Amino acid sequence: LIGLAREGKAMFEDKSDPSFNDIRALFPIPSLTMHFVMSADS
């Protein structure tokens, strides 16, 4: 999303701002993980 914000693309279309270039990372946190959860009976 940082790249999209800087480029004014997708959900940031027409919303780009110079302050987005000042964003700096600190550390990773747990990832969003996809789960397809099915009942055993299925």
Full PDB file with SEQRES, HELIX, SHEET, SSBOND, CRYST1, ORIGX, SCALE, CONECT and MASTER records, all heavy atoms in Angstrom:
SEQRES   1 A   42  LEU ILE GLY LEU ALA ARG GLU GLY LYS ALA MET PHE GLU          
SEQRES   2 A   42  ASP LYS SER ASP PRO SER PHE ASN ASP ILE ARG ALA LEU          
SEQRES   3 A   42  PHE PRO ILE PRO SER LEU THR MET HIS PHE VAL MET SER          
SEQRES   4 A   42  ALA ASP SER                                                  
HELIX    1 AA1 ILE A    2  GLU A    7  1                                   6    
HELIX    2 AA2 ALA A   10  PHE A   12  5                                   3    
HELIX    3 AA3 PRO A   18  ASP A   22  5                                   5    
CRYST1    1.000    1.000    1.000  90.00  90.00  90.00 P 1           1          
ORIGX1      1.000000  0.000000  0.000000        0.00000                         
ORIGX2      0.000000  1.000000  0.000000        0.00000                         
ORIGX3      0.000000  0.000000  1.000000        0.00000                         
SCALE1      1.000000  0.000000  0.000000        0.00000                         
SCALE2      0.000000  1.000000  0.000000        0.00000                         
SCALE3      0.000000  0.000000  1.000000        0.00000                         
ATOM      1  N   LEU A   1       0.813  -1.220   0.000  1.00  0.00           N  
ATOM      2  CA  LEU A   1       0.000   0.000   0.000  1.00  0.00           C  
ATOM      3  C   LEU A   1       0.841   1.262   0.000  1.00  0.00           C  
ATOM      4  O   LEU A   1       0.391   2.317  -0.453  1.00  0.00           O  
ATOM      5  CB  LEU A   1      -0.963   0.012   1.199  1.00  0.00           C  
ATOM      6  CG  LEU A   1      -2.395  -0.447   0.883  1.00  0.00           C  
ATOM      7  CD1 LEU A   1      -2.398  -1.894   0.433  1.00  0.00           C  
ATOM      8  CD2 LEU A   1      -3.305  -0.256   2.087  1.00  0.00           C  
ATOM      9  N   ILE A   2       2.066   1.171   0.517  1.00  0.00           N  
ATOM     10  CA  ILE A   2       2.926   2.354   0.518  1.00  0.00           C  
ATOM     11  C   ILE A   2       3.257   2.760  -0.917  1.00  0.00           C  
ATOM     12  O   ILE A   2       3.184   3.932  -1.279  1.00  0.00           O  
ATOM     13  CB  ILE A   2       4.227   2.096   1.312  1.00  0.00           C  
ATOM     14  CG1 ILE A   2       3.912   1.597   2.727  1.00  0.00           C  
ATOM     15  CG2 ILE A   2       5.072   3.362   1.356  1.00  0.00           C  
ATOM     16  CD1 ILE A   2       3.073   2.515   3.553  1.00  0.00           C  
ATOM     17  N   GLY A   3       3.592   1.777  -1.752  1.00  0.00           N  
ATOM     18  CA  GLY A   3       3.881   2.058  -3.154  1.00  0.00           C  
ATOM     19  C   GLY A   3       2.676   2.623  -3.884  1.00  0.00           C  
ATOM     20  O   GLY A   3       2.795   3.573  -4.669  1.00  0.00           O  
ATOM     21  N   LEU A   4       1.505   2.058  -3.628  1.00  0.00           N  
ATOM     22  CA  LEU A   4       0.279   2.546  -4.271  1.00  0.00           C  
ATOM     23  C   LEU A   4      -0.030   3.973  -3.849  1.00  0.00           C  
ATOM     24  O   LEU A   4      -0.463   4.797  -4.662  1.00  0.00           O  
ATOM     25  CB  LEU A   4      -0.894   1.628  -3.920  1.00  0.00           C  
ATOM     26  CG  LEU A   4      -0.854   0.210  -4.492  1.00  0.00           C  
ATOM     27  CD1 LEU A   4      -2.014  -0.622  -3.948  1.00  0.00           C  
ATOM     28  CD2 LEU A   4      -0.902   0.235  -6.020  1.00  0.00           C  
ATOM     29  N   ALA A   5       0.183   4.273  -2.559  1.00  0.00           N  
ATOM     30  CA  ALA A   5      -0.081   5.628  -2.063  1.00  0.00           C  
ATOM     31  C   ALA A   5       0.850   6.638  -2.729  1.00  0.00           C  
ATOM     32  O   ALA A   5       0.422   7.726  -3.143  1.00  0.00           O  
ATOM     33  CB  ALA A   5       0.090   5.668  -0.546  1.00  0.00           C  
ATOM     34  N   ARG A   6       2.111   6.293  -2.843  1.00  0.00           N  
ATOM     35  CA  ARG A   6       3.082   7.209  -3.442  1.00  0.00           C  
ATOM     36  C   ARG A   6       2.795   7.454  -4.921  1.00  0.00           C  
ATOM     37  O   ARG A   6       3.039   8.543  -5.439  1.00  0.00           O  
ATOM     38  CB  ARG A   6       4.493   6.647  -3.264  1.00  0.00           C  
ATOM     39  CG  ARG A   6       4.978   6.688  -1.828  1.00  0.00           C  
ATOM     40  CD  ARG A   6       6.336   6.037  -1.673  1.00  0.00           C  
ATOM     41  NE  ARG A   6       6.860   6.202  -0.324  1.00  0.00           N  
ATOM     42  CZ  ARG A   6       8.028   5.719   0.100  1.00  0.00           C  
ATOM     43  NH1 ARG A   6       8.780   5.018  -0.734  1.00  0.00           N  
ATOM     44  NH2 ARG A   6       8.429   5.932   1.332  1.00  0.00           N  
ATOM     45  N   GLU A   7       2.268   6.431  -5.586  1.00  0.00           N  
ATOM     46  CA  GLU A   7       1.993   6.540  -7.019  1.00  0.00           C  
ATOM     47  C   GLU A   7       0.575   7.019  -7.319  1.00  0.00           C  
ATOM     48  O   GLU A   7       0.235   7.264  -8.474  1.00  0.00           O  
ATOM     49  CB  GLU A   7       2.227   5.179  -7.683  1.00  0.00           C  
ATOM     50  CG  GLU A   7       3.677   4.709  -7.611  1.00  0.00           C  
ATOM     51  CD  GLU A   7       3.834   3.267  -8.039  1.00  0.00           C  
ATOM     52  OE1 GLU A   7       2.851   2.695  -8.561  1.00  0.00           O  
ATOM     53  OE2 GLU A   7       4.926   2.691  -7.844  1.00  0.00           O  
ATOM     54  N   GLY A   8      -0.258   7.158  -6.267  1.00  0.00           N  
ATOM     55  CA  GLY A   8      -1.636   7.597  -6.461  1.00  0.00           C  
ATOM     56  C   GLY A   8      -2.466   6.609  -7.240  1.00  0.00           C  
ATOM     57  O   GLY A   8      -3.319   6.988  -8.050  1.00  0.00           O  
ATOM     58  N   LYS A   9      -2.240   5.317  -6.995  1.00  0.00           N  
ATOM     59  CA  LYS A   9      -2.951   4.279  -7.738  1.00  0.00           C  
ATOM     60  C   LYS A   9      -3.983   3.570  -6.859  1.00  0.00           C  
ATOM     61  O   LYS A   9      -3.960   3.674  -5.633  1.00  0.00           O  
ATOM     62  CB  LYS A   9      -1.954   3.251  -8.269  1.00  0.00           C  
ATOM     63  CG  LYS A   9      -1.015   3.775  -9.345  1.00  0.00           C  
ATOM     64  CD  LYS A   9      -0.094   2.681  -9.844  1.00  0.00           C  
ATOM     65  CE  LYS A   9       0.816   3.166 -10.959  1.00  0.00           C  
ATOM     66  NZ  LYS A   9       1.738   2.099 -11.431  1.00  0.00           N  
ATOM     67  N   ALA A  10      -4.912   2.831  -7.532  1.00  0.00           N  
ATOM     68  CA  ALA A  10      -5.929   2.002  -6.857  1.00  0.00           C  
ATOM     69  C   ALA A  10      -6.721   2.846  -5.867  1.00  0.00           C  
ATOM     70  O   ALA A  10      -7.280   3.876  -6.249  1.00  0.00           O  
ATOM     71  CB  ALA A  10      -5.265   0.799  -6.194  1.00  0.00           C  
ATOM     72  N   MET A  11      -6.758   2.421  -4.600  1.00  0.00           N  
ATOM     73  CA  MET A  11      -7.566   3.126  -3.607  1.00  0.00           C  
ATOM     74  C   MET A  11      -7.025   4.515  -3.264  1.00  0.00           C  
ATOM     75  O   MET A  11      -7.684   5.277  -2.557  1.00  0.00           O  
ATOM     76  CB  MET A  11      -7.705   2.283  -2.333  1.00  0.00           C  
ATOM     77  CG  MET A  11      -6.391   2.008  -1.602  1.00  0.00           C  
ATOM     78  SD  MET A  11      -5.328   0.785  -2.393  1.00  0.00           S  
ATOM     79  CE  MET A  11      -6.230  -0.719  -2.112  1.00  0.00           C  
ATOM     80  N   PHE A  12      -5.827   4.843  -3.776  1.00  0.00           N  
ATOM     81  CA  PHE A  12      -5.243   6.167  -3.538  1.00  0.00           C  
ATOM     82  C   PHE A  12      -5.301   7.057  -4.777  1.00  0.00           C  
ATOM     83  O   PHE A  12      -4.636   8.084  -4.835  1.00  0.00           O  
ATOM     84  CB  PHE A  12      -3.786   6.017  -3.087  1.00  0.00           C  
ATOM     85  CG  PHE A  12      -3.634   5.291  -1.774  1.00  0.00           C  
ATOM     86  CD1 PHE A  12      -3.275   3.952  -1.742  1.00  0.00           C  
ATOM     87  CD2 PHE A  12      -3.875   5.948  -0.577  1.00  0.00           C  
ATOM     88  CE1 PHE A  12      -3.141   3.278  -0.544  1.00  0.00           C  
ATOM     89  CE2 PHE A  12      -3.748   5.269   0.639  1.00  0.00           C  
ATOM     90  CZ  PHE A  12      -3.378   3.941   0.656  1.00  0.00           C  
ATOM     91  N   GLU A  13      -6.099   6.654  -5.742  1.00  0.00           N  
ATOM     92  CA  GLU A  13      -6.218   7.457  -6.961  1.00  0.00           C  
ATOM     93  C   GLU A  13      -6.732   8.850  -6.628  1.00  0.00           C  
ATOM     94  O   GLU A  13      -7.703   9.014  -5.882  1.00  0.00           O  
ATOM     95  CB  GLU A  13      -7.173   6.777  -7.950  1.00  0.00           C  
ATOM     96  CG  GLU A  13      -7.201   7.454  -9.308  1.00  0.00           C  
ATOM     97  CD  GLU A  13      -8.043   6.690 -10.314  1.00  0.00           C  
ATOM     98  OE1 GLU A  13      -8.584   5.622  -9.960  1.00  0.00           O  
ATOM     99  OE2 GLU A  13      -8.151   7.176 -11.456  1.00  0.00           O  
ATOM    100  N   ASP A  14      -6.060   9.875  -7.150  1.00  0.00           N  
ATOM    101  CA  ASP A  14      -6.380  11.292  -6.897  1.00  0.00           C  
ATOM    102  C   ASP A  14      -6.208  11.678  -5.425  1.00  0.00           C  
ATOM    103  O   ASP A  14      -6.731  12.703  -4.980  1.00  0.00           O  
ATOM    104  CB  ASP A  14      -7.828  11.617  -7.338  1.00  0.00           C  
ATOM    105  CG  ASP A  14      -8.047  11.381  -8.821  1.00  0.00           C  
ATOM    106  OD1 ASP A  14      -7.107  11.628  -9.609  1.00  0.00           O  
ATOM    107  OD2 ASP A  14      -9.153  10.935  -9.195  1.00  0.00           O  
ATOM    108  N   LYS A  15      -5.487  10.866  -4.654  1.00  0.00           N  
ATOM    109  CA  LYS A  15      -5.287  11.164  -3.229  1.00  0.00           C  
ATOM    110  C   LYS A  15      -3.804  11.194  -2.858  1.00  0.00           C  
ATOM    111  O   LYS A  15      -3.458  11.172  -1.687  1.00  0.00           O  
ATOM    112  CB  LYS A  15      -6.003  10.117  -2.370  1.00  0.00           C  
ATOM    113  CG  LYS A  15      -7.512  10.098  -2.541  1.00  0.00           C  
ATOM    114  CD  LYS A  15      -8.140   8.978  -1.728  1.00  0.00           C  
ATOM    115  CE  LYS A  15      -9.648   8.918  -1.939  1.00  0.00           C  
ATOM    116  NZ  LYS A  15     -10.265   7.774  -1.214  1.00  0.00           N  
ATOM    117  N   SER A  16      -2.926  11.206  -3.857  1.00  0.00           N  
ATOM    118  CA  SER A  16      -1.498  11.193  -3.553  1.00  0.00           C  
ATOM    119  C   SER A  16      -1.111  12.473  -2.818  1.00  0.00           C  
ATOM    120  O   SER A  16      -1.755  13.522  -2.962  1.00  0.00           O  
ATOM    121  CB  SER A  16      -0.684  11.052  -4.842  1.00  0.00           C  
ATOM    122  OG  SER A  16      -0.927  12.144  -5.705  1.00  0.00           O  
ATOM    123  N   ASP A  17      -0.060  12.375  -2.021  1.00  0.00           N  
ATOM    124  CA  ASP A  17       0.369  13.507  -1.202  1.00  0.00           C  
ATOM    125  C   ASP A  17       1.872  13.396  -0.989  1.00  0.00           C  
ATOM    126  O   ASP A  17       2.392  12.288  -0.797  1.00  0.00           O  
ATOM    127  CB  ASP A  17      -0.364  13.481   0.150  1.00  0.00           C  
ATOM    128  CG  ASP A  17      -0.159  14.752   0.944  1.00  0.00           C  
ATOM    129  OD1 ASP A  17       0.856  14.842   1.666  1.00  0.00           O  
ATOM    130  OD2 ASP A  17      -1.015  15.651   0.859  1.00  0.00           O  
ATOM    131  N   PRO A  18       2.601  14.516  -0.992  1.00  0.00           N  
ATOM    132  CA  PRO A  18       4.062  14.452  -0.790  1.00  0.00           C  
ATOM    133  C   PRO A  18       4.455  13.779   0.525  1.00  0.00           C  
ATOM    134  O   PRO A  18       5.546  13.184   0.608  1.00  0.00           O  
ATOM    135  CB  PRO A  18       4.466  15.931  -0.795  1.00  0.00           C  
ATOM    136  CG  PRO A  18       3.411  16.623  -1.588  1.00  0.00           C  
ATOM    137  CD  PRO A  18       2.141  15.887  -1.283  1.00  0.00           C  
ATOM    138  N   SER A  19       3.603  13.853   1.541  1.00  0.00           N  
ATOM    139  CA  SER A  19       3.946  13.268   2.840  1.00  0.00           C  
ATOM    140  C   SER A  19       4.084  11.750   2.775  1.00  0.00           C  
ATOM    141  O   SER A  19       4.749  11.154   3.627  1.00  0.00           O  
ATOM    142  CB  SER A  19       2.886  13.636   3.892  1.00  0.00           C  
ATOM    143  OG  SER A  19       1.618  13.126   3.532  1.00  0.00           O  
ATOM    144  N   PHE A  20       3.498  11.110   1.764  1.00  0.00           N  
ATOM    145  CA  PHE A  20       3.622   9.657   1.635  1.00  0.00           C  
ATOM    146  C   PHE A  20       5.079   9.248   1.366  1.00  0.00           C  
ATOM    147  O   PHE A  20       5.472   8.123   1.677  1.00  0.00           O  
ATOM    148  CB  PHE A  20       2.721   9.127   0.519  1.00  0.00           C  
ATOM    149  CG  PHE A  20       1.246   9.313   0.773  1.00  0.00           C  
ATOM    150  CD1 PHE A  20       0.349   9.434  -0.279  1.00  0.00           C  
ATOM    151  CD2 PHE A  20       0.747   9.377   2.067  1.00  0.00           C  
ATOM    152  CE1 PHE A  20      -1.010   9.600  -0.051  1.00  0.00           C  
ATOM    153  CE2 PHE A  20      -0.620   9.557   2.307  1.00  0.00           C  
ATOM    154  CZ  PHE A  20      -1.493   9.665   1.239  1.00  0.00           C  
ATOM    155  N   ASN A  21       5.841  10.164   0.794  1.00  0.00           N  
ATOM    156  CA  ASN A  21       7.254   9.868   0.532  1.00  0.00           C  
ATOM    157  C   ASN A  21       8.086   9.866   1.812  1.00  0.00           C  
ATOM    158  O   ASN A  21       9.241   9.428   1.808  1.00  0.00           O  
ATOM    159  CB  ASN A  21       7.834  10.885  -0.454  1.00  0.00           C  
ATOM    160  CG  ASN A  21       7.234  10.741  -1.845  1.00  0.00           C  
ATOM    161  OD1 ASN A  21       7.031   9.636  -2.324  1.00  0.00           O  
ATOM    162  ND2 ASN A  21       6.939  11.857  -2.480  1.00  0.00           N  
ATOM    163  N   ASP A  22       7.503  10.367   2.898  1.00  0.00           N  
ATOM    164  CA  ASP A  22       8.214  10.421   4.179  1.00  0.00           C  
ATOM    165  C   ASP A  22       7.987   9.173   5.030  1.00  0.00           C  
ATOM    166  O   ASP A  22       8.536   9.058   6.125  1.00  0.00           O  
ATOM    167  CB  ASP A  22       7.761  11.647   4.984  1.00  0.00           C  
ATOM    168  CG  ASP A  22       8.081  12.956   4.273  1.00  0.00           C  
ATOM    169  OD1 ASP A  22       9.087  12.988   3.545  1.00  0.00           O  
ATOM    170  OD2 ASP A  22       7.320  13.930   4.445  1.00  0.00           O  
ATOM    171  N   ILE A  23       7.170   8.232   4.547  1.00  0.00           N  
ATOM    172  CA  ILE A  23       6.878   7.016   5.316  1.00  0.00           C  
ATOM    173  C   ILE A  23       8.121   6.132   5.388  1.00  0.00           C  
ATOM    174  O   ILE A  23       8.779   5.894   4.384  1.00  0.00           O  
ATOM    175  CB  ILE A  23       5.695   6.240   4.690  1.00  0.00           C  
ATOM    176  CG1 ILE A  23       4.406   7.063   4.788  1.00  0.00           C  
ATOM    177  CG2 ILE A  23       5.516   4.888   5.357  1.00  0.00           C  
ATOM    178  CD1 ILE A  23       3.237   6.483   4.004  1.00  0.00           C  
ATOM    179  N   ARG A  24       8.409   5.644   6.596  1.00  0.00           N  
ATOM    180  CA  ARG A  24       9.575   4.787   6.814  1.00  0.00           C  
ATOM    181  C   ARG A  24       9.178   3.593   7.690  1.00  0.00           C  
ATOM    182  O   ARG A  24       8.469   3.755   8.681  1.00  0.00           O  
ATOM    183  CB  ARG A  24      10.715   5.569   7.502  1.00  0.00           C  
ATOM    184  CG  ARG A  24      11.236   6.761   6.704  1.00  0.00           C  
ATOM    185  CD  ARG A  24      11.979   6.318   5.464  1.00  0.00           C  
ATOM    186  NE  ARG A  24      12.557   7.446   4.721  1.00  0.00           N  
ATOM    187  CZ  ARG A  24      11.937   8.099   3.744  1.00  0.00           C  
ATOM    188  NH1 ARG A  24      10.702   7.732   3.372  1.00  0.00           N  
ATOM    189  NH2 ARG A  24      12.543   9.094   3.131  1.00  0.00           N  
ATOM    190  N   ALA A  25       9.655   2.415   7.328  1.00  0.00           N  
ATOM    191  CA  ALA A  25       9.294   1.187   8.052  1.00  0.00           C  
ATOM    192  C   ALA A  25      10.132   1.023   9.322  1.00  0.00           C  
ATOM    193  O   ALA A  25      11.281   1.473   9.392  1.00  0.00           O  
ATOM    194  CB  ALA A  25       9.471  -0.024   7.150  1.00  0.00           C  
ATOM    195  N   LEU A  26       9.535   0.344  10.313  1.00  0.00           N  
ATOM    196  CA  LEU A  26      10.234   0.027  11.555  1.00  0.00           C  
ATOM    197  C   LEU A  26      10.512  -1.469  11.673  1.00  0.00           C  
ATOM    198  O   LEU A  26      11.645  -1.897  11.779  1.00  0.00           O  
ATOM    199  CB  LEU A  26       9.406   0.505  12.760  1.00  0.00           C  
ATOM    200  CG  LEU A  26       9.154   2.006  12.847  1.00  0.00           C  
ATOM    201  CD1 LEU A  26       8.219   2.320  14.017  1.00  0.00           C  
ATOM    202  CD2 LEU A  26      10.460   2.783  12.984  1.00  0.00           C  
ATOM    203  N   PHE A  27       9.441  -2.283  11.638  1.00  0.00           N  
ATOM    204  CA  PHE A  27       9.594  -3.729  11.800  1.00  0.00           C  
ATOM    205  C   PHE A  27       8.358  -4.449  11.261  1.00  0.00           C  
ATOM    206  O   PHE A  27       7.278  -3.870  11.187  1.00  0.00           O  
ATOM    207  CB  PHE A  27       9.817  -4.100  13.272  1.00  0.00           C  
ATOM    208  CG  PHE A  27       8.862  -3.422  14.230  1.00  0.00           C  
ATOM    209  CD1 PHE A  27       7.568  -3.897  14.431  1.00  0.00           C  
ATOM    210  CD2 PHE A  27       9.267  -2.298  14.950  1.00  0.00           C  
ATOM    211  CE1 PHE A  27       6.693  -3.275  15.309  1.00  0.00           C  
ATOM    212  CE2 PHE A  27       8.393  -1.661  15.840  1.00  0.00           C  
ATOM    213  CZ  PHE A  27       7.104  -2.155  16.015  1.00  0.00           C  
ATOM    214  N   PRO A  28       8.523  -5.723  10.873  1.00  0.00           N  
ATOM    215  CA  PRO A  28       7.362  -6.505  10.419  1.00  0.00           C  
ATOM    216  C   PRO A  28       6.527  -6.959  11.599  1.00  0.00           C  
ATOM    217  O   PRO A  28       7.031  -7.079  12.728  1.00  0.00           O  
ATOM    218  CB  PRO A  28       8.007  -7.698   9.712  1.00  0.00           C  
ATOM    219  CG  PRO A  28       9.328  -7.858  10.389  1.00  0.00           C  
ATOM    220  CD  PRO A  28       9.778  -6.484  10.786  1.00  0.00           C  
ATOM    221  N   ILE A  29       5.256  -7.191  11.349  1.00  0.00           N  
ATOM    222  CA  ILE A  29       4.375  -7.796  12.348  1.00  0.00           C  
ATOM    223  C   ILE A  29       3.711  -9.009  11.684  1.00  0.00           C  
ATOM    224  O   ILE A  29       3.913  -9.241  10.491  1.00  0.00           O  
ATOM    225  CB  ILE A  29       3.331  -6.790  12.892  1.00  0.00           C  
ATOM    226  CG1 ILE A  29       2.368  -6.333  11.792  1.00  0.00           C  
ATOM    227  CG2 ILE A  29       4.020  -5.583  13.518  1.00  0.00           C  
ATOM    228  CD1 ILE A  29       1.214  -5.475  12.331  1.00  0.00           C  
ATOM    229  N   PRO A  30       2.960  -9.823  12.426  1.00  0.00           N  
ATOM    230  CA  PRO A  30       2.369 -11.027  11.812  1.00  0.00           C  
ATOM    231  C   PRO A  30       1.579 -10.735  10.536  1.00  0.00           C  
ATOM    232  O   PRO A  30       0.851  -9.749  10.456  1.00  0.00           O  
ATOM    233  CB  PRO A  30       1.474 -11.561  12.928  1.00  0.00           C  
ATOM    234  CG  PRO A  30       2.171 -11.138  14.179  1.00  0.00           C  
ATOM    235  CD  PRO A  30       2.700  -9.763  13.875  1.00  0.00           C  
ATOM    236  N   SER A  31       1.741 -11.610   9.558  1.00  0.00           N  
ATOM    237  CA  SER A  31       1.101 -11.435   8.252  1.00  0.00           C  
ATOM    238  C   SER A  31      -0.376 -11.829   8.290  1.00  0.00           C  
ATOM    239  O   SER A  31      -0.795 -12.672   9.093  1.00  0.00           O  
ATOM    240  CB  SER A  31       1.806 -12.314   7.202  1.00  0.00           C  
ATOM    241  OG  SER A  31       3.153 -11.972   7.069  1.00  0.00           O  
ATOM    242  N   LEU A  32      -1.143 -11.214   7.389  1.00  0.00           N  
ATOM    243  CA  LEU A  32      -2.517 -11.663   7.158  1.00  0.00           C  
ATOM    244  C   LEU A  32      -2.437 -13.010   6.447  1.00  0.00           C  
ATOM    245  O   LEU A  32      -1.850 -13.107   5.357  1.00  0.00           O  
ATOM    246  CB  LEU A  32      -3.269 -10.666   6.275  1.00  0.00           C  
ATOM    247  CG  LEU A  32      -3.894  -9.452   6.950  1.00  0.00           C  
ATOM    248  CD1 LEU A  32      -4.275  -8.410   5.912  1.00  0.00           C  
ATOM    249  CD2 LEU A  32      -5.120  -9.858   7.764  1.00  0.00           C  
ATOM    250  N   THR A  33      -3.013 -14.036   7.038  1.00  0.00           N  
ATOM    251  CA  THR A  33      -2.881 -15.399   6.529  1.00  0.00           C  
ATOM    252  C   THR A  33      -4.235 -15.947   6.102  1.00  0.00           C  
ATOM    253  O   THR A  33      -5.189 -15.931   6.885  1.00  0.00           O  
ATOM    254  CB  THR A  33      -2.278 -16.313   7.619  1.00  0.00           C  
ATOM    255  OG1 THR A  33      -1.035 -15.752   8.038  1.00  0.00           O  
ATOM    256  CG2 THR A  33      -2.062 -17.713   7.088  1.00  0.00           C  
ATOM    257  N   MET A  34      -4.318 -16.422   4.876  1.00  0.00           N  
ATOM    258  CA  MET A  34      -5.584 -16.957   4.373  1.00  0.00           C  
ATOM    259  C   MET A  34      -5.865 -18.336   4.965  1.00  0.00           C  
ATOM    260  O   MET A  34      -4.993 -19.208   4.976  1.00  0.00           O  
ATOM    261  CB  MET A  34      -5.549 -17.052   2.849  1.00  0.00           C  
ATOM    262  CG  MET A  34      -5.645 -15.713   2.148  1.00  0.00           C  
ATOM    263  SD  MET A  34      -7.210 -14.847   2.455  1.00  0.00           S  
ATOM    264  CE  MET A  34      -8.352 -15.869   1.511  1.00  0.00           C  
ATOM    265  N   HIS A  35      -7.088 -18.510   5.466  1.00  0.00           N  
ATOM    266  CA  HIS A  35      -7.546 -19.795   5.998  1.00  0.00           C  
ATOM    267  C   HIS A  35      -8.838 -20.197   5.276  1.00  0.00           C  
ATOM    268  O   HIS A  35      -9.811 -19.441   5.288  1.00  0.00           O  
ATOM    269  CB  HIS A  35      -7.897 -19.690   7.491  1.00  0.00           C  
ATOM    270  CG  HIS A  35      -6.748 -19.419   8.409  1.00  0.00           C  
ATOM    271  ND1 HIS A  35      -6.087 -18.204   8.457  1.00  0.00           N  
ATOM    272  CD2 HIS A  35      -6.176 -20.206   9.363  1.00  0.00           C  
ATOM    273  CE1 HIS A  35      -5.154 -18.267   9.392  1.00  0.00           C  
ATOM    274  NE2 HIS A  35      -5.176 -19.452   9.955  1.00  0.00           N  
ATOM    275  N   PHE A  36      -8.824 -21.364   4.637  1.00  0.00           N  
ATOM    276  CA  PHE A  36     -10.057 -21.982   4.133  1.00  0.00           C  
ATOM    277  C   PHE A  36     -10.419 -23.062   5.143  1.00  0.00           C  
ATOM    278  O   PHE A  36      -9.758 -24.106   5.200  1.00  0.00           O  
ATOM    279  CB  PHE A  36      -9.840 -22.586   2.742  1.00  0.00           C  
ATOM    280  CG  PHE A  36      -9.912 -21.588   1.616  1.00  0.00           C  
ATOM    281  CD1 PHE A  36      -8.840 -20.746   1.350  1.00  0.00           C  
ATOM    282  CD2 PHE A  36     -11.054 -21.478   0.832  1.00  0.00           C  
ATOM    283  CE1 PHE A  36      -8.883 -19.828   0.317  1.00  0.00           C  
ATOM    284  CE2 PHE A  36     -11.117 -20.562  -0.207  1.00  0.00           C  
ATOM    285  CZ  PHE A  36     -10.033 -19.735  -0.460  1.00  0.00           C  
ATOM    286  N   VAL A  37     -11.444 -22.807   5.943  1.00  0.00           N  
ATOM    287  CA  VAL A  37     -11.793 -23.681   7.071  1.00  0.00           C  
ATOM    288  C   VAL A  37     -13.079 -24.427   6.745  1.00  0.00           C  
ATOM    289  O   VAL A  37     -14.145 -23.814   6.579  1.00  0.00           O  
ATOM    290  CB  VAL A  37     -11.980 -22.853   8.368  1.00  0.00           C  
ATOM    291  CG1 VAL A  37     -12.230 -23.772   9.562  1.00  0.00           C  
ATOM    292  CG2 VAL A  37     -10.767 -21.964   8.618  1.00  0.00           C  
ATOM    293  N   MET A  38     -13.000 -25.755   6.648  1.00  0.00           N  
ATOM    294  CA  MET A  38     -14.154 -26.577   6.290  1.00  0.00           C  
ATOM    295  C   MET A  38     -14.528 -27.505   7.439  1.00  0.00           C  
ATOM    296  O   MET A  38     -13.652 -27.979   8.176  1.00  0.00           O  
ATOM    297  CB  MET A  38     -13.834 -27.411   5.045  1.00  0.00           C  
ATOM    298  CG  MET A  38     -13.356 -26.597   3.859  1.00  0.00           C  
ATOM    299  SD  MET A  38     -14.539 -25.344   3.289  1.00  0.00           S  
ATOM    300  CE  MET A  38     -15.925 -26.393   2.824  1.00  0.00           C  
ATOM    301  N   SER A  39     -15.813 -27.778   7.573  1.00  0.00           N  
ATOM    302  CA  SER A  39     -16.241 -28.736   8.592  1.00  0.00           C  
ATOM    303  C   SER A  39     -15.783 -30.137   8.181  1.00  0.00           C  
ATOM    304  O   SER A  39     -15.710 -30.453   6.991  1.00  0.00           O  
ATOM    305  CB  SER A  39     -17.762 -28.716   8.743  1.00  0.00           C  
ATOM    306  OG  SER A  39     -18.386 -29.287   7.602  1.00  0.00           O  
ATOM    307  N   ALA A  40     -15.473 -30.946   9.166  1.00  0.00           N  
ATOM    308  CA  ALA A  40     -15.037 -32.322   8.875  1.00  0.00           C  
ATOM    309  C   ALA A  40     -16.138 -33.086   8.146  1.00  0.00           C  
ATOM    310  O   ALA A  40     -15.858 -33.935   7.288  1.00  0.00           O  
ATOM    311  CB  ALA A  40     -14.660 -33.025  10.167  1.00  0.00           C  
ATOM    312  N   ASP A  41     -17.392 -32.779   8.471  1.00  0.00           N  
ATOM    313  CA  ASP A  41     -18.530 -33.471   7.850  1.00  0.00           C  
ATOM    314  C   ASP A  41     -18.695 -33.139   6.374  1.00  0.00           C  
ATOM    315  O   ASP A  41     -19.374 -33.862   5.644  1.00  0.00           O  
ATOM    316  CB  ASP A  41     -19.827 -33.124   8.593  1.00  0.00           C  
ATOM    317  CG  ASP A  41     -19.854 -33.667  10.008  1.00  0.00           C  
ATOM    318  OD1 ASP A  41     -19.078 -34.611  10.295  1.00  0.00           O  
ATOM    319  OD2 ASP A  41     -20.626 -33.148  10.834  1.00  0.00           O  
ATOM    320  N   SER A  42     -18.087 -32.027   5.935  1.00  0.00           N  
ATOM    321  CA  SER A  42     -18.249 -31.625   4.533  1.00  0.00           C  
ATOM    322  C   SER A  42     -17.524 -32.573   3.584  1.00  0.00           C  
ATOM    323  O   SER A  42     -17.849 -32.643   2.399  1.00  0.00           O  
ATOM    324  CB  SER A  42     -17.715 -30.206   4.325  1.00  0.00           C  
ATOM    325  OG  SER A  42     -16.299 -30.179   4.450  1.00  0.00           O  
TER     326      SER A  42                                                      
MASTER        0    0    0    3    0    0    0    6  325    1    0    4          
END                                                                             
